[in-house]
Amino acid sequence: MLDKKRISRRTFIKSSMLIGGAAALAACGAPAVAPTVAPAATAVPAATTASAAKLDLPFPVDAAAADPFKLDVTVPVDGQFFSGGFGDEYIRYAAKIQEMVHPGLKVNVTPLQKVQETLQPRFVGGNPPDVIDNSGAGMFKTVDLVNDGQLLELTELFEAPSLDTPGKKFKETLFPGSQVSGCVFNGKQYGVNIAYTVSGIWWSKTLADKNGWKYPETWDDMLAFCETLKKDGKLAPWTYQGKYPYYMWGIVWQQLLYKAGGNDVVLKIDNLEPNAWSDPAVLRATEAIYALWDKKYIMDGTAGLTHTESQAEWLKNKAAFIPCGTWLENEMKTVTPKDFNMVMGGIPGFKDGKGDQKGVMADGGETFVVPAKAKNTKGGMEYLRAILSKSSAKWFAENVSSMMPVAGATEGAKVSDGMKSALAVVATAGNAIINVQIANYYSKISKELEVRTGELLTGKSKPADFLKAMQKIADDVAKDPDTPKQKHVI
């Protein structure tokens, strides 16, 4: 677990804004087009320590931090990484850092799309890769890997010295709270989140300014604005990543749930309390997203589109709003009109909601793991130390328009208006960071949410049906003796 004595979230975000840091992103689907080679990395300070000079590194490394895991450089590192909205050049950059720190070591980088489908045979055969970016629509459920004993517990990594922050442990350089979601199960660390994601609703600032539109403050305001757009008939109010309803339940519904009922209802849901799905706040959040379908505010044909297809239609001004994380800019950069100027707003809440209405879902994402049965687990851990170094994080900020959760790494980096807007949403939220874990804890519930949300947003079911189905799957999981239970405490 992380040291709570480190810099606070509010202080860190404020500092990042002053130095132009960008809010980063989490796992997402495949890129709109084939990944392209990113621009050259910004030069970093020349090495000053004796150990760094000996290794001919472009950044300082203390002698004590050079090789904490005592790597055997004759054993290559096998890395298998999801290549989605971030592309894969940042993965290669981190591999080069690791090879520079350990002369003679070979770090093999293999980009892939369907992580589980590709790597399942290797887990079954007992020869998994040394490090994996377990992300994307086809990823493993991390909790399933943990329950099966397939992942290495990472205390050794978190207690190791930082690669290029002298005097600090690896865990002490990471953004507070960034290494919990999808990584910690029953108090143990099984993954590392390499990106910091902010999730909200995006629209074109250019289009908004042209029409004099004001971003809605409450969900009632959102629906009223959508009605105005519908009557005007020039564009649909909403679209979403139709074939992947996660974007609606994971980004919109979860935040509405918190804003309606606060952390009390979040904990009821996450901890499988009896009748949790009957709480009025759950119904309110569900009715809120259902209204988008019921009032015909969703762009025709949305349900049949992939994430990149719906995002491309949005970029053509076919719809005003789309939910997404801060990976959106990079994922669509090759097809984004120059004058579009995408920006993010928080999820509008309720005037009488019990949660903090300025709250936002912002946490670590893009989870990297080290398989317990890998041939070179130490090499896998060292790769994680390299990818979350300051040098790697600054490259990521400038070339992927994103932020890694590494304190101080974006100083002087040039970032986009979209990232600035997302960072502003987090700064406004302060400590009101929304943390719903039910889908991370239980894969069966995650799958049910995906199916039932898709039905809700296509008129195949109504809010009461959604709640009934979700309560049933939650009860089934709660009663199942073979499903390890998680305890969420806020």
Protein backbone atom coordinates (compact mmCIF):
# COMPACT_ATOMS: atom_id res chain seq x y z
CA MET A 1 0.00 0.00 0.00
CA LEU A 2 1.08 3.58 -0.55
CA ASP A 3 2.57 5.88 2.02
CA LYS A 4 -0.16 8.33 3.13
CA LYS A 5 2.45 10.87 4.19
CA ARG A 6 3.20 11.76 0.59
CA ILE A 7 1.95 14.88 -1.15
CA SER A 8 -1.85 15.23 -1.12
CA ARG A 9 -3.96 14.85 -4.26
CA ARG A 10 -5.10 18.50 -4.15
CA THR A 11 -1.54 19.81 -3.78
CA PHE A 12 -0.29 17.56 -6.54
CA ILE A 13 -3.02 18.57 -8.99
CA LYS A 14 -2.48 22.24 -8.21
CA SER A 15 1.23 21.87 -8.86
CA SER A 16 0.56 20.02 -12.09
CA MET A 17 -1.68 22.83 -13.33
CA LEU A 18 0.95 25.43 -12.57
CA ILE A 19 3.54 23.54 -14.58
CA GLY A 20 1.16 22.59 -17.37
CA GLY A 21 0.80 18.91 -16.49
CA ALA A 22 -1.89 16.90 -18.24
CA ALA A 23 -4.47 14.59 -16.77
CA ALA A 24 -3.87 11.13 -18.09
CA LEU A 25 -5.89 8.20 -19.17
CA ALA A 26 -6.71 4.60 -18.74
CA ALA A 27 -7.20 1.50 -20.75
CA CYS A 28 -9.30 1.77 -23.88
CA GLY A 29 -10.04 0.02 -27.13
CA ALA A 30 -7.97 -0.30 -30.26
CA PRO A 31 -6.82 2.89 -31.97
CA ALA A 32 -8.83 4.39 -34.82
CA VAL A 33 -5.96 3.69 -37.20
CA ALA A 34 -2.74 1.72 -36.99
CA PRO A 35 -0.39 3.15 -34.35
CA THR A 36 2.16 5.60 -35.67
CA VAL A 37 5.60 6.37 -34.36
CA ALA A 38 5.39 9.15 -31.81
CA PRO A 39 7.57 12.26 -31.94
CA ALA A 40 11.05 12.09 -30.52
CA ALA A 41 11.25 12.30 -26.76
CA THR A 42 12.13 15.53 -25.07
CA ALA A 43 15.76 15.63 -24.00
CA VAL A 44 16.31 14.95 -20.32
CA PRO A 45 19.12 16.27 -18.13
CA ALA A 46 22.54 14.75 -18.60
CA ALA A 47 23.68 12.20 -16.06
CA THR A 48 25.55 13.59 -13.08
CA THR A 49 26.24 10.63 -10.83
CA ALA A 50 29.17 8.32 -11.25
CA SER A 51 26.98 5.25 -11.70
CA ALA A 52 24.86 6.96 -14.38
CA ALA A 53 27.94 8.18 -16.25
CA LYS A 54 29.37 4.68 -16.21
CA LEU A 55 26.17 3.32 -17.74
CA ASP A 56 25.96 6.21 -20.24
CA LEU A 57 22.38 7.10 -19.20
CA PRO A 58 20.56 10.32 -20.11
CA PHE A 59 19.35 10.77 -16.52
CA PRO A 60 20.86 10.35 -13.03
CA VAL A 61 20.62 7.00 -11.25
CA ASP A 62 22.00 6.44 -7.77
CA ALA A 63 24.29 3.42 -7.47
CA ALA A 64 21.95 1.90 -4.89
CA ALA A 65 19.01 2.23 -7.30
CA ALA A 66 20.67 0.78 -10.39
CA ASP A 67 19.93 -2.93 -9.84
CA PRO A 68 17.78 -3.68 -6.75
CA PHE A 69 16.47 -6.98 -8.19
CA LYS A 70 19.92 -8.30 -9.25
CA LEU A 71 18.89 -9.09 -12.82
CA ASP A 72 20.53 -11.77 -14.92
CA VAL A 73 21.08 -9.81 -18.14
CA THR A 74 21.50 -13.02 -20.11
CA VAL A 75 17.79 -13.77 -19.59
CA PRO A 76 15.62 -11.60 -21.87
CA VAL A 77 12.43 -9.94 -20.67
CA ASP A 78 9.25 -11.02 -22.43
CA GLY A 79 6.72 -8.18 -22.44
CA GLN A 80 3.24 -8.55 -23.97
CA PHE A 81 1.35 -5.28 -24.09
CA PHE A 82 -2.10 -4.12 -25.11
CA SER A 83 -1.85 -1.53 -27.87
CA GLY A 84 -4.88 0.76 -27.80
CA GLY A 85 -5.49 4.47 -27.51
CA PHE A 86 -1.98 5.06 -26.19
CA GLY A 87 -0.31 3.29 -29.11
CA ASP A 88 2.83 1.33 -28.27
CA GLU A 89 5.78 3.69 -28.67
CA TYR A 90 5.71 4.57 -24.96
CA ILE A 91 6.07 0.87 -24.20
CA ARG A 92 9.15 0.68 -26.42
CA TYR A 93 10.58 3.80 -24.81
CA ALA A 94 10.40 2.19 -21.37
CA ALA A 95 12.05 -0.96 -22.76
CA LYS A 96 14.95 1.15 -24.05
CA ILE A 97 15.35 2.71 -20.61
CA GLN A 98 15.54 -0.74 -19.01
CA GLU A 99 18.10 -1.90 -21.57
CA MET A 100 20.22 1.22 -20.97
CA VAL A 101 20.22 0.65 -17.21
CA HIS A 102 21.19 -3.00 -17.71
CA PRO A 103 23.71 -3.28 -20.58
CA GLY A 104 23.40 -6.59 -22.39
CA LEU A 105 19.77 -7.13 -21.40
CA LYS A 106 17.20 -7.64 -24.17
CA VAL A 107 13.64 -6.44 -23.50
CA ASN A 108 11.23 -7.86 -26.06
CA VAL A 109 8.08 -5.82 -26.71
CA THR A 110 5.06 -7.44 -28.35
CA PRO A 111 1.97 -5.26 -28.94
CA LEU A 112 -1.35 -7.09 -29.06
CA GLN A 113 -5.09 -6.46 -29.03
CA LYS A 114 -7.05 -9.34 -27.48
CA VAL A 115 -5.01 -9.93 -24.35
CA GLN A 116 -6.90 -12.84 -22.84
CA GLU A 117 -7.49 -14.66 -26.11
CA THR A 118 -3.81 -14.36 -27.03
CA LEU A 119 -2.24 -15.16 -23.67
CA GLN A 120 -4.65 -17.67 -22.12
CA PRO A 121 -2.81 -20.64 -23.68
CA ARG A 122 0.45 -19.45 -22.14
CA PHE A 123 -1.09 -19.21 -18.67
CA VAL A 124 -2.59 -22.67 -19.08
CA GLY A 125 0.78 -23.99 -20.26
CA GLY A 126 2.61 -22.51 -17.28
CA ASN A 127 4.83 -20.20 -19.37
CA PRO A 128 3.24 -16.74 -19.19
CA PRO A 129 5.13 -13.56 -20.21
CA ASP A 130 7.22 -11.68 -17.68
CA VAL A 131 5.11 -8.50 -17.76
CA ILE A 132 1.72 -7.75 -19.29
CA ASP A 133 -0.36 -4.65 -19.97
CA ASN A 134 -3.70 -6.24 -19.11
CA SER A 135 -6.05 -3.74 -20.73
CA GLY A 136 -8.57 -3.29 -23.51
CA ALA A 137 -11.97 -4.84 -24.20
CA GLY A 138 -10.42 -8.34 -24.39
CA MET A 139 -8.41 -8.21 -21.17
CA PHE A 140 -8.31 -10.74 -18.35
CA LYS A 141 -10.34 -9.85 -15.30
CA THR A 142 -7.51 -9.10 -12.86
CA VAL A 143 -9.48 -10.42 -9.90
CA ASP A 144 -9.83 -13.79 -11.67
CA LEU A 145 -6.06 -14.00 -12.16
CA VAL A 146 -5.55 -13.11 -8.49
CA ASN A 147 -8.05 -15.70 -7.31
CA ASP A 148 -6.31 -18.34 -9.44
CA GLY A 149 -2.89 -17.51 -7.97
CA GLN A 150 -1.57 -16.36 -11.33
CA LEU A 151 -0.16 -12.95 -10.35
CA LEU A 152 2.95 -11.98 -8.40
CA GLU A 153 2.36 -9.90 -5.27
CA LEU A 154 4.39 -6.71 -5.80
CA THR A 155 5.58 -5.62 -2.36
CA GLU A 156 9.22 -6.09 -3.45
CA LEU A 157 8.71 -3.66 -6.32
CA PHE A 158 6.91 -1.04 -4.22
CA GLU A 159 9.66 -1.13 -1.58
CA ALA A 160 12.46 -0.90 -4.18
CA PRO A 161 14.24 2.42 -4.81
CA SER A 162 12.88 4.67 -7.55
CA LEU A 163 14.90 4.47 -10.75
CA ASP A 164 15.51 8.19 -11.25
CA THR A 165 14.18 9.96 -8.15
CA PRO A 166 17.12 9.79 -5.72
CA GLY A 167 16.30 8.95 -2.12
CA LYS A 168 12.76 7.79 -2.84
CA LYS A 169 11.20 4.34 -2.92
CA PHE A 170 9.21 3.39 -6.02
CA LYS A 171 5.94 3.68 -4.07
CA GLU A 172 6.85 7.14 -2.80
CA THR A 173 6.97 8.63 -6.30
CA LEU A 174 3.45 7.57 -7.28
CA PHE A 175 0.35 9.73 -7.16
CA PRO A 176 -1.77 9.15 -4.02
CA GLY A 177 -4.57 6.68 -4.64
CA SER A 178 -3.41 5.79 -8.15
CA GLN A 179 -2.40 2.22 -7.29
CA VAL A 180 -5.62 0.90 -5.78
CA SER A 181 -8.32 0.49 -8.43
CA GLY A 182 -7.87 -2.81 -10.21
CA CYS A 183 -4.58 -3.45 -8.39
CA VAL A 184 -5.26 -4.12 -4.71
CA PHE A 185 -7.25 -7.15 -3.60
CA ASN A 186 -7.81 -7.80 0.10
CA GLY A 187 -4.99 -5.45 0.98
CA LYS A 188 -2.36 -6.94 -1.33
CA GLN A 189 -0.78 -5.28 -4.38
CA TYR A 190 -1.02 -7.32 -7.57
CA GLY A 191 -0.78 -4.68 -10.27
CA VAL A 192 0.58 -1.27 -11.21
CA ASN A 193 -1.51 1.42 -12.88
CA ILE A 194 0.73 3.31 -15.29
CA ALA A 195 -1.78 6.01 -16.30
CA TYR A 196 -3.89 8.53 -14.43
CA THR A 197 -7.38 8.68 -15.89
CA VAL A 198 -10.07 11.31 -15.63
CA SER A 199 -13.49 10.26 -16.94
CA GLY A 200 -16.28 12.61 -17.95
CA ILE A 201 -18.29 14.01 -20.84
CA TRP A 202 -16.63 15.56 -23.89
CA TRP A 203 -17.80 18.17 -26.35
CA SER A 204 -16.36 20.59 -28.89
CA LYS A 205 -15.44 23.93 -27.33
CA THR A 206 -15.38 25.44 -30.83
CA LEU A 207 -18.98 24.34 -31.46
CA ALA A 208 -20.10 25.42 -28.00
CA ASP A 209 -18.54 28.88 -28.33
CA LYS A 210 -20.02 29.31 -31.81
CA ASN A 211 -23.53 28.60 -30.51
CA GLY A 212 -23.18 30.24 -27.11
CA TRP A 213 -23.76 26.96 -25.27
CA LYS A 214 -23.08 26.62 -21.56
CA TYR A 215 -22.08 23.26 -20.10
CA PRO A 216 -24.95 21.85 -17.97
CA GLU A 217 -24.52 22.13 -14.21
CA THR A 218 -27.06 19.47 -13.16
CA TRP A 219 -28.57 16.38 -14.80
CA ASP A 220 -31.87 18.24 -15.12
CA ASP A 221 -29.97 20.97 -16.97
CA MET A 222 -28.42 18.29 -19.18
CA LEU A 223 -31.83 16.87 -20.13
CA ALA A 224 -33.23 20.34 -20.77
CA PHE A 225 -30.29 21.20 -23.03
CA CYS A 226 -30.68 17.89 -24.85
CA GLU A 227 -34.34 18.73 -25.49
CA THR A 228 -33.29 22.05 -27.02
CA LEU A 229 -30.80 20.30 -29.31
CA LYS A 230 -33.37 17.68 -30.28
CA LYS A 231 -35.90 20.32 -31.29
CA ASP A 232 -33.26 22.24 -33.22
CA GLY A 233 -32.54 19.07 -35.19
CA LYS A 234 -29.02 19.95 -36.37
CA LEU A 235 -27.25 17.26 -34.33
CA ALA A 236 -28.12 14.56 -31.82
CA PRO A 237 -27.58 15.45 -28.17
CA TRP A 238 -25.65 12.23 -27.27
CA THR A 239 -23.76 9.27 -28.60
CA TYR A 240 -21.69 6.63 -26.82
CA GLN A 241 -19.43 3.69 -27.70
CA GLY A 242 -22.45 1.52 -28.57
CA LYS A 243 -20.99 -1.99 -28.70
CA TYR A 244 -19.18 -1.34 -25.41
CA PRO A 245 -21.80 -0.14 -22.86
CA TYR A 246 -19.00 0.10 -20.28
CA TYR A 247 -18.56 3.73 -21.26
CA MET A 248 -22.08 4.45 -20.02
CA TRP A 249 -22.18 2.39 -16.83
CA GLY A 250 -18.48 2.74 -15.97
CA ILE A 251 -18.18 6.46 -16.63
CA VAL A 252 -21.68 7.97 -16.40
CA TRP A 253 -23.84 5.67 -14.27
CA GLN A 254 -21.23 5.10 -11.55
CA GLN A 255 -20.65 8.81 -11.10
CA LEU A 256 -24.40 9.51 -11.04
CA LEU A 257 -24.72 6.75 -8.43
CA TYR A 258 -22.27 8.52 -6.15
CA LYS A 259 -23.77 11.95 -6.75
CA ALA A 260 -27.23 10.65 -5.93
CA GLY A 261 -26.36 8.62 -2.84
CA GLY A 262 -22.80 9.43 -1.79
CA ASN A 263 -20.31 6.87 -0.53
CA ASP A 264 -22.96 5.13 1.59
CA VAL A 265 -24.69 3.69 -1.45
CA VAL A 266 -21.37 2.97 -3.18
CA LEU A 267 -20.28 0.83 -0.23
CA LYS A 268 -23.63 -0.98 -0.14
CA ILE A 269 -23.18 -1.96 -3.77
CA ASP A 270 -19.48 -2.82 -3.52
CA ASN A 271 -19.85 -4.87 -0.35
CA LEU A 272 -22.81 -6.90 -1.65
CA GLU A 273 -25.19 -5.74 1.06
CA PRO A 274 -28.70 -7.24 0.88
CA ASN A 275 -31.15 -5.15 -1.18
CA ALA A 276 -28.42 -2.65 -2.08
CA TRP A 277 -29.83 -2.28 -5.59
CA SER A 278 -33.18 -1.21 -4.10
CA ASP A 279 -31.68 1.99 -2.70
CA PRO A 280 -33.48 5.04 -4.16
CA ALA A 281 -30.14 6.50 -5.26
CA VAL A 282 -29.49 3.46 -7.48
CA LEU A 283 -32.89 3.91 -9.13
CA ARG A 284 -32.24 7.62 -9.61
CA ALA A 285 -28.89 7.05 -11.35
CA THR A 286 -30.43 4.36 -13.54
CA GLU A 287 -33.42 6.51 -14.51
CA ALA A 288 -31.02 9.35 -15.35
CA ILE A 289 -29.18 7.43 -18.08
CA TYR A 290 -32.37 5.70 -19.25
CA ALA A 291 -33.87 9.13 -19.93
CA LEU A 292 -31.31 9.64 -22.70
CA TRP A 293 -32.85 6.71 -24.58
CA ASP A 294 -36.44 7.26 -23.50
CA LYS A 295 -36.45 10.89 -24.64
CA LYS A 296 -34.68 10.01 -27.90
CA TYR A 297 -31.54 11.99 -27.14
CA ILE A 298 -29.12 9.29 -28.37
CA MET A 299 -27.89 9.42 -31.97
CA ASP A 300 -29.59 6.91 -34.24
CA GLY A 301 -27.48 3.83 -34.87
CA THR A 302 -25.25 4.34 -31.84
CA ALA A 303 -25.80 0.84 -30.44
CA GLY A 304 -24.27 -0.75 -33.55
CA LEU A 305 -21.06 1.28 -33.50
CA THR A 306 -17.68 0.44 -32.02
CA HIS A 307 -15.94 2.92 -29.75
CA THR A 308 -13.85 4.48 -32.53
CA GLU A 309 -16.77 4.56 -34.94
CA SER A 310 -19.01 6.45 -32.53
CA GLN A 311 -16.15 8.77 -31.60
CA ALA A 312 -15.53 9.46 -35.29
CA GLU A 313 -19.20 10.38 -35.79
CA TRP A 314 -18.99 12.68 -32.79
CA LEU A 315 -15.94 14.36 -34.32
CA LYS A 316 -18.09 15.08 -37.39
CA ASN A 317 -20.48 17.01 -35.12
CA LYS A 318 -23.18 14.35 -35.49
CA ALA A 319 -23.69 14.51 -31.69
CA ALA A 320 -22.88 17.08 -29.02
CA PHE A 321 -21.78 14.83 -26.14
CA ILE A 322 -19.84 11.60 -25.70
CA PRO A 323 -18.58 9.96 -22.48
CA CYS A 324 -14.94 8.91 -22.35
CA GLY A 325 -11.72 8.94 -20.39
CA THR A 326 -8.75 11.14 -21.09
CA TRP A 327 -7.37 8.67 -23.60
CA LEU A 328 -9.85 10.07 -26.14
CA GLU A 329 -7.57 12.75 -27.60
CA ASN A 330 -4.71 10.42 -28.38
CA GLU A 331 -6.97 7.62 -29.60
CA MET A 332 -8.59 9.90 -32.18
CA LYS A 333 -5.77 12.32 -32.94
CA THR A 334 -5.30 11.23 -36.55
CA VAL A 335 -8.94 11.94 -37.45
CA THR A 336 -9.70 14.95 -35.24
CA PRO A 337 -10.45 18.18 -37.18
CA LYS A 338 -7.94 20.91 -36.37
CA ASP A 339 -10.61 23.31 -35.18
CA PHE A 340 -12.65 20.80 -33.13
CA ASN A 341 -10.98 21.59 -29.76
CA MET A 342 -12.37 18.77 -27.61
CA VAL A 343 -12.74 19.49 -23.89
CA MET A 344 -14.11 17.58 -20.93
CA GLY A 345 -16.74 18.43 -18.35
CA GLY A 346 -17.65 16.53 -15.17
CA ILE A 347 -20.81 14.43 -14.92
CA PRO A 348 -23.66 16.82 -13.99
CA GLY A 349 -25.34 15.71 -10.77
CA PHE A 350 -28.40 16.53 -8.68
CA LYS A 351 -29.24 19.65 -6.67
CA ASP A 352 -30.36 17.50 -3.75
CA GLY A 353 -27.87 14.66 -4.22
CA LYS A 354 -26.13 13.20 -1.17
CA GLY A 355 -22.69 12.99 -2.76
CA ASP A 356 -20.32 15.86 -3.49
CA GLN A 357 -21.68 17.22 -6.77
CA LYS A 358 -18.20 18.32 -7.83
CA GLY A 359 -16.91 14.77 -7.48
CA VAL A 360 -15.17 13.06 -10.38
CA MET A 361 -13.93 9.61 -11.28
CA ALA A 362 -10.17 10.04 -11.51
CA ASP A 363 -7.75 7.29 -10.66
CA GLY A 364 -5.06 5.01 -11.91
CA GLY A 365 -5.68 2.80 -14.91
CA GLU A 366 -3.96 0.75 -17.62
CA THR A 367 -2.98 -2.04 -15.27
CA PHE A 368 0.35 -3.81 -15.78
CA VAL A 369 0.93 -7.14 -14.01
CA VAL A 370 3.72 -9.67 -13.50
CA PRO A 371 2.61 -13.33 -13.75
CA ALA A 372 3.72 -15.40 -10.76
CA LYS A 373 4.87 -18.28 -12.97
CA ALA A 374 6.82 -16.15 -15.43
CA LYS A 375 10.40 -17.16 -16.22
CA ASN A 376 11.82 -13.72 -15.39
CA THR A 377 9.64 -12.07 -12.74
CA LYS A 378 12.49 -9.80 -11.64
CA GLY A 379 12.86 -8.55 -15.19
CA GLY A 380 9.12 -7.92 -15.25
CA MET A 381 9.27 -5.86 -12.06
CA GLU A 382 12.24 -3.90 -13.38
CA TYR A 383 10.26 -3.03 -16.50
CA LEU A 384 7.55 -1.55 -14.26
CA ARG A 385 10.18 0.50 -12.45
CA ALA A 386 11.37 1.82 -15.81
CA ILE A 387 7.96 2.66 -17.22
CA LEU A 388 7.06 4.67 -14.12
CA SER A 389 10.32 6.59 -14.06
CA LYS A 390 10.32 10.37 -14.49
CA SER A 391 11.95 10.06 -17.89
CA SER A 392 9.22 7.71 -19.13
CA ALA A 393 6.42 9.78 -17.61
CA LYS A 394 7.60 13.01 -19.23
CA TRP A 395 7.85 11.29 -22.61
CA PHE A 396 4.31 9.98 -22.11
CA ALA A 397 2.97 13.45 -21.31
CA GLU A 398 4.47 15.06 -24.37
CA ASN A 399 3.93 12.29 -26.90
CA VAL A 400 0.70 10.66 -25.76
CA SER A 401 -1.01 13.80 -24.32
CA SER A 402 -1.40 12.00 -21.02
CA MET A 403 -0.13 11.81 -17.48
CA MET A 404 1.44 8.91 -15.67
CA PRO A 405 0.92 8.98 -11.88
CA VAL A 406 4.54 10.01 -11.23
CA ALA A 407 5.00 13.04 -9.01
CA GLY A 408 6.67 16.01 -10.71
CA ALA A 409 7.27 14.22 -13.99
CA THR A 410 5.36 16.66 -16.23
CA GLU A 411 7.28 19.78 -15.26
CA GLY A 412 7.80 21.85 -18.40
CA ALA A 413 5.83 19.46 -20.62
CA LYS A 414 3.58 20.91 -23.33
CA VAL A 415 0.00 19.64 -23.06
CA SER A 416 -3.32 20.03 -24.89
CA ASP A 417 -6.43 22.02 -24.01
CA GLY A 418 -8.29 18.74 -23.56
CA MET A 419 -5.87 17.57 -20.92
CA LYS A 420 -5.98 20.96 -19.23
CA SER A 421 -9.77 20.79 -19.08
CA ALA A 422 -9.67 17.33 -17.51
CA LEU A 423 -7.11 18.48 -14.97
CA ALA A 424 -9.36 21.42 -14.11
CA VAL A 425 -12.24 19.03 -13.41
CA VAL A 426 -10.03 17.12 -10.96
CA ALA A 427 -8.81 20.32 -9.33
CA THR A 428 -12.41 21.46 -8.80
CA ALA A 429 -13.30 18.10 -7.28
CA GLY A 430 -10.52 18.32 -4.70
CA ASN A 431 -10.74 15.22 -2.51
CA ALA A 432 -14.16 14.19 -3.86
CA ILE A 433 -12.80 11.34 -5.98
CA ILE A 434 -15.45 8.77 -6.89
CA ASN A 435 -14.39 5.20 -6.21
CA VAL A 436 -16.81 2.44 -7.23
CA GLN A 437 -15.18 -1.01 -7.22
CA ILE A 438 -17.97 -3.53 -7.80
CA ALA A 439 -16.94 -4.33 -11.39
CA ASN A 440 -13.28 -4.73 -10.40
CA TYR A 441 -14.18 -7.06 -7.54
CA TYR A 442 -16.54 -9.44 -9.33
CA SER A 443 -16.25 -10.36 -13.01
CA LYS A 444 -19.75 -11.87 -13.09
CA ILE A 445 -21.25 -8.58 -11.97
CA SER A 446 -19.11 -6.66 -14.46
CA LYS A 447 -20.43 -8.83 -17.31
CA GLU A 448 -24.01 -8.39 -16.14
CA LEU A 449 -23.62 -4.61 -15.97
CA GLU A 450 -22.38 -4.61 -19.55
CA VAL A 451 -25.32 -6.62 -20.85
CA ARG A 452 -28.03 -4.89 -18.82
CA THR A 453 -26.79 -1.38 -19.61
CA GLY A 454 -26.85 -2.21 -23.31
CA GLU A 455 -30.46 -3.33 -22.95
CA LEU A 456 -31.38 -0.23 -20.96
CA LEU A 457 -30.00 2.13 -23.60
CA THR A 458 -31.74 0.38 -26.48
CA GLY A 459 -35.19 0.16 -24.93
CA LYS A 460 -35.07 -3.60 -24.38
CA SER A 461 -35.50 -3.12 -20.65
CA LYS A 462 -36.51 -0.43 -18.19
CA PRO A 463 -34.87 0.77 -14.96
CA ALA A 464 -36.89 -1.64 -12.81
CA ASP A 465 -35.72 -4.56 -14.96
CA PHE A 466 -32.11 -3.36 -14.70
CA LEU A 467 -32.25 -3.17 -10.90
CA LYS A 468 -33.94 -6.56 -10.56
CA ALA A 469 -31.33 -8.26 -12.75
CA MET A 470 -28.42 -6.61 -10.95
CA GLN A 471 -29.78 -7.49 -7.51
CA LYS A 472 -30.11 -11.10 -8.57
CA ILE A 473 -26.53 -11.40 -9.83
CA ALA A 474 -25.26 -9.59 -6.71
CA ASP A 475 -27.17 -12.02 -4.47
CA ASP A 476 -25.87 -15.00 -6.44
CA VAL A 477 -22.28 -13.80 -6.06
CA ALA A 478 -22.78 -13.08 -2.35
CA LYS A 479 -24.05 -16.62 -1.75
CA ASP A 480 -21.44 -18.36 -3.89
CA PRO A 481 -18.88 -19.98 -1.55
CA ASP A 482 -16.41 -20.34 -4.41
CA THR A 483 -16.24 -16.59 -5.10
CA PRO A 484 -13.69 -14.83 -2.85
CA LYS A 485 -15.25 -11.75 -1.30
CA GLN A 486 -13.71 -8.27 -1.26
CA LYS A 487 -14.24 -5.59 1.39
CA HIS A 488 -14.36 -1.96 0.25
CA VAL A 489 -13.64 0.68 2.87
CA ILE A 490 -13.64 4.41 2.08
